[in-house]
Amino acid sequence: MSVPHRLSPRLQQILEMLREDPGDAFLRYALALEKAKEGQLQEAIELVQELLHNQPEYLGAYYQLGQWLEQTQQPERAKEIYTAGVALARNKKQMKASRELQQALDFLED
């Protein structure tokens, strides 16, 4: 019988806030970050993919998702995410985010 995984106080706090506001994109992203921090990278990826499926305008998640996909040996999927993020950033006139995403894409394509 395995010992249940004990939740960190930060993770417990995020989950409690999500129960009150399940559609909050920032909280969903924060949950993914905490999962990644605890070594649950695949779960973090799934959470951010779900977030972007439901709220594709959440620009901040594209770079991190691309990084995690690279870490899990999914470079083609990372390229797709970076490319989508660049397009969104340009559309929203967020040039700094566009440059960062483009640099990540360029690095991956080299």
C-alpha atoms as a PDB file:
ATOM      1  CA  MET A   1       0.000   0.000   0.000  1.00  0.00           C
ATOM      2  CA  SER A   2       1.490   3.325  -1.041  1.00  0.00           C
ATOM      3  CA  VAL A   3       1.507   6.431   1.093  1.00  0.00           C
ATOM      4  CA  PRO A   4      -0.739   9.150  -0.374  1.00  0.00           C
ATOM      5  CA  HIS A   5       1.110  12.154  -1.793  1.00  0.00           C
ATOM      6  CA  ARG A   6       0.976  14.981   0.702  1.00  0.00           C
ATOM      7  CA  LEU A   7      -0.007  18.299  -0.840  1.00  0.00           C
ATOM      8  CA  SER A   8       2.167  21.322  -0.252  1.00  0.00           C
ATOM      9  CA  PRO A   9       0.487  24.256   1.512  1.00  0.00           C
ATOM     10  CA  ARG A  10       0.750  26.285  -1.716  1.00  0.00           C
ATOM     11  CA  LEU A  11      -0.907  23.531  -3.741  1.00  0.00           C
ATOM     12  CA  GLN A  12      -3.669  23.177  -1.141  1.00  0.00           C
ATOM     13  CA  GLN A  13      -4.279  26.933  -1.290  1.00  0.00           C
ATOM     14  CA  ILE A  14      -4.505  26.946  -5.091  1.00  0.00           C
ATOM     15  CA  LEU A  15      -6.916  23.989  -5.092  1.00  0.00           C
ATOM     16  CA  GLU A  16      -9.129  25.705  -2.518  1.00  0.00           C
ATOM     17  CA  MET A  17      -9.238  28.892  -4.595  1.00  0.00           C
ATOM     18  CA  LEU A  18     -10.016  26.850  -7.731  1.00  0.00           C
ATOM     19  CA  ARG A  19     -12.990  25.257  -5.969  1.00  0.00           C
ATOM     20  CA  GLU A  20     -14.361  28.777  -5.508  1.00  0.00           C
ATOM     21  CA  ASP A  21     -13.526  29.907  -9.069  1.00  0.00           C
ATOM     22  CA  PRO A  22     -12.893  26.893 -11.344  1.00  0.00           C
ATOM     23  CA  GLY A  23     -12.621  29.016 -14.484  1.00  0.00           C
ATOM     24  CA  ASP A  24      -9.802  31.260 -13.254  1.00  0.00           C
ATOM     25  CA  ALA A  25      -7.019  30.965 -15.857  1.00  0.00           C
ATOM     26  CA  PHE A  26      -4.325  32.336 -13.562  1.00  0.00           C
ATOM     27  CA  LEU A  27      -5.130  29.774 -10.865  1.00  0.00           C
ATOM     28  CA  ARG A  28      -5.129  26.953 -13.417  1.00  0.00           C
ATOM     29  CA  TYR A  29      -1.717  28.106 -14.640  1.00  0.00           C
ATOM     30  CA  ALA A  30      -0.453  28.390 -11.043  1.00  0.00           C
ATOM     31  CA  LEU A  31      -1.643  24.835 -10.392  1.00  0.00           C
ATOM     32  CA  ALA A  32       0.351  23.599 -13.381  1.00  0.00           C
ATOM     33  CA  LEU A  33       3.455  25.449 -12.186  1.00  0.00           C
ATOM     34  CA  GLU A  34       3.144  23.853  -8.751  1.00  0.00           C
ATOM     35  CA  LYS A  35       2.695  20.395 -10.259  1.00  0.00           C
ATOM     36  CA  ALA A  36       5.842  20.900 -12.345  1.00  0.00           C
ATOM     37  CA  LYS A  37       7.738  22.124  -9.283  1.00  0.00           C
ATOM     38  CA  GLU A  38       6.773  18.890  -7.514  1.00  0.00           C
ATOM     39  CA  GLY A  39       8.100  16.819 -10.431  1.00  0.00           C
ATOM     40  CA  GLN A  40       4.712  16.042 -11.947  1.00  0.00           C
ATOM     41  CA  LEU A  41       5.655  17.418 -15.360  1.00  0.00           C
ATOM     42  CA  GLN A  42       3.246  15.362 -17.454  1.00  0.00           C
ATOM     43  CA  GLU A  43       0.327  16.461 -15.283  1.00  0.00           C
ATOM     44  CA  ALA A  44       1.523  20.077 -15.573  1.00  0.00           C
ATOM     45  CA  ILE A  45       1.608  19.757 -19.377  1.00  0.00           C
ATOM     46  CA  GLU A  46      -1.909  18.339 -19.434  1.00  0.00           C
ATOM     47  CA  LEU A  47      -3.207  21.140 -17.211  1.00  0.00           C
ATOM     48  CA  VAL A  48      -1.743  23.852 -19.447  1.00  0.00           C
ATOM     49  CA  GLN A  49      -2.952  22.134 -22.613  1.00  0.00           C
ATOM     50  CA  GLU A  50      -6.457  22.067 -21.134  1.00  0.00           C
ATOM     51  CA  LEU A  51      -6.113  25.720 -20.105  1.00  0.00           C
ATOM     52  CA  LEU A  52      -5.090  26.754 -23.624  1.00  0.00           C
ATOM     53  CA  HIS A  53      -7.851  24.639 -25.150  1.00  0.00           C
ATOM     54  CA  ASN A  54     -10.426  26.496 -23.036  1.00  0.00           C
ATOM     55  CA  GLN A  55      -8.736  29.903 -22.979  1.00  0.00           C
ATOM     56  CA  PRO A  56      -6.399  30.180 -25.982  1.00  0.00           C
ATOM     57  CA  GLU A  57      -5.822  33.888 -25.297  1.00  0.00           C
ATOM     58  CA  TYR A  58      -3.831  33.117 -22.119  1.00  0.00           C
ATOM     59  CA  LEU A  59      -0.549  34.194 -23.673  1.00  0.00           C
ATOM     60  CA  GLY A  60       1.646  33.587 -20.629  1.00  0.00           C
ATOM     61  CA  ALA A  61       1.213  29.815 -20.828  1.00  0.00           C
ATOM     62  CA  TYR A  62       2.639  29.279 -24.319  1.00  0.00           C
ATOM     63  CA  TYR A  63       6.299  29.748 -23.456  1.00  0.00           C
ATOM     64  CA  GLN A  64       6.176  27.544 -20.361  1.00  0.00           C
ATOM     65  CA  LEU A  65       4.283  24.795 -22.163  1.00  0.00           C
ATOM     66  CA  GLY A  66       6.833  24.867 -24.968  1.00  0.00           C
ATOM     67  CA  GLN A  67       9.651  24.553 -22.438  1.00  0.00           C
ATOM     68  CA  TRP A  68       8.014  21.572 -20.751  1.00  0.00           C
ATOM     69  CA  LEU A  69       7.389  19.895 -24.097  1.00  0.00           C
ATOM     70  CA  GLU A  70      11.057  20.310 -24.931  1.00  0.00           C
ATOM     71  CA  GLN A  71      12.018  18.794 -21.567  1.00  0.00           C
ATOM     72  CA  THR A  72       9.837  15.766 -22.287  1.00  0.00           C
ATOM     73  CA  GLN A  73      11.364  15.205 -25.742  1.00  0.00           C
ATOM     74  CA  GLN A  74       8.407  16.563 -27.741  1.00  0.00           C
ATOM     75  CA  PRO A  75      10.177  19.138 -29.958  1.00  0.00           C
ATOM     76  CA  GLU A  76       7.620  19.081 -32.773  1.00  0.00           C
ATOM     77  CA  ARG A  77       4.768  19.800 -30.372  1.00  0.00           C
ATOM     78  CA  ALA A  78       6.881  22.521 -28.719  1.00  0.00           C
ATOM     79  CA  LYS A  79       7.379  24.152 -32.134  1.00  0.00           C
ATOM     80  CA  GLU A  80       3.608  24.153 -32.688  1.00  0.00           C
ATOM     81  CA  ILE A  81       3.023  25.794 -29.310  1.00  0.00           C
ATOM     82  CA  TYR A  82       5.727  28.434 -29.827  1.00  0.00           C
ATOM     83  CA  THR A  83       4.382  29.199 -33.311  1.00  0.00           C
ATOM     84  CA  ALA A  84       0.839  29.603 -31.997  1.00  0.00           C
ATOM     85  CA  GLY A  85       2.146  31.787 -29.180  1.00  0.00           C
ATOM     86  CA  VAL A  86       4.083  34.031 -31.594  1.00  0.00           C
ATOM     87  CA  ALA A  87       0.960  34.528 -33.708  1.00  0.00           C
ATOM     88  CA  LEU A  88      -1.162  35.343 -30.666  1.00  0.00           C
ATOM     89  CA  ALA A  89       1.441  37.722 -29.235  1.00  0.00           C
ATOM     90  CA  ARG A  90       1.733  39.583 -32.536  1.00  0.00           C
ATOM     91  CA  ASN A  91      -2.047  39.756 -32.836  1.00  0.00           C
ATOM     92  CA  LYS A  92      -2.240  41.211 -29.311  1.00  0.00           C
ATOM     93  CA  LYS A  93       0.684  43.557 -30.091  1.00  0.00           C
ATOM     94  CA  GLN A  94       2.713  42.024 -27.247  1.00  0.00           C
ATOM     95  CA  MET A  95       6.100  42.410 -28.911  1.00  0.00           C
ATOM     96  CA  LYS A  96       8.247  41.334 -25.938  1.00  0.00           C
ATOM     97  CA  ALA A  97       6.330  38.065 -25.630  1.00  0.00           C
ATOM     98  CA  SER A  98       6.483  37.626 -29.400  1.00  0.00           C
ATOM     99  CA  ARG A  99      10.290  38.021 -29.380  1.00  0.00           C
ATOM    100  CA  GLU A 100      10.718  35.575 -26.489  1.00  0.00           C
ATOM    101  CA  LEU A 101       8.555  32.947 -28.152  1.00  0.00           C
ATOM    102  CA  GLN A 102      10.275  33.493 -31.510  1.00  0.00           C
ATOM    103  CA  GLN A 103      13.704  33.091 -29.886  1.00  0.00           C
ATOM    104  CA  ALA A 104      12.613  29.807 -28.293  1.00  0.00           C
ATOM    105  CA  LEU A 105      11.299  28.636 -31.656  1.00  0.00           C
ATOM    106  CA  ASP A 106      14.482  29.691 -33.476  1.00  0.00           C
ATOM    107  CA  PHE A 107      16.638  27.920 -30.889  1.00  0.00           C
ATOM    108  CA  LEU A 108      14.627  24.742 -31.278  1.00  0.00           C
ATOM    109  CA  GLU A 109      14.825  24.849 -35.078  1.00  0.00           C
ATOM    110  CA  ASP A 110      18.637  25.221 -35.110  1.00  0.00           C
END
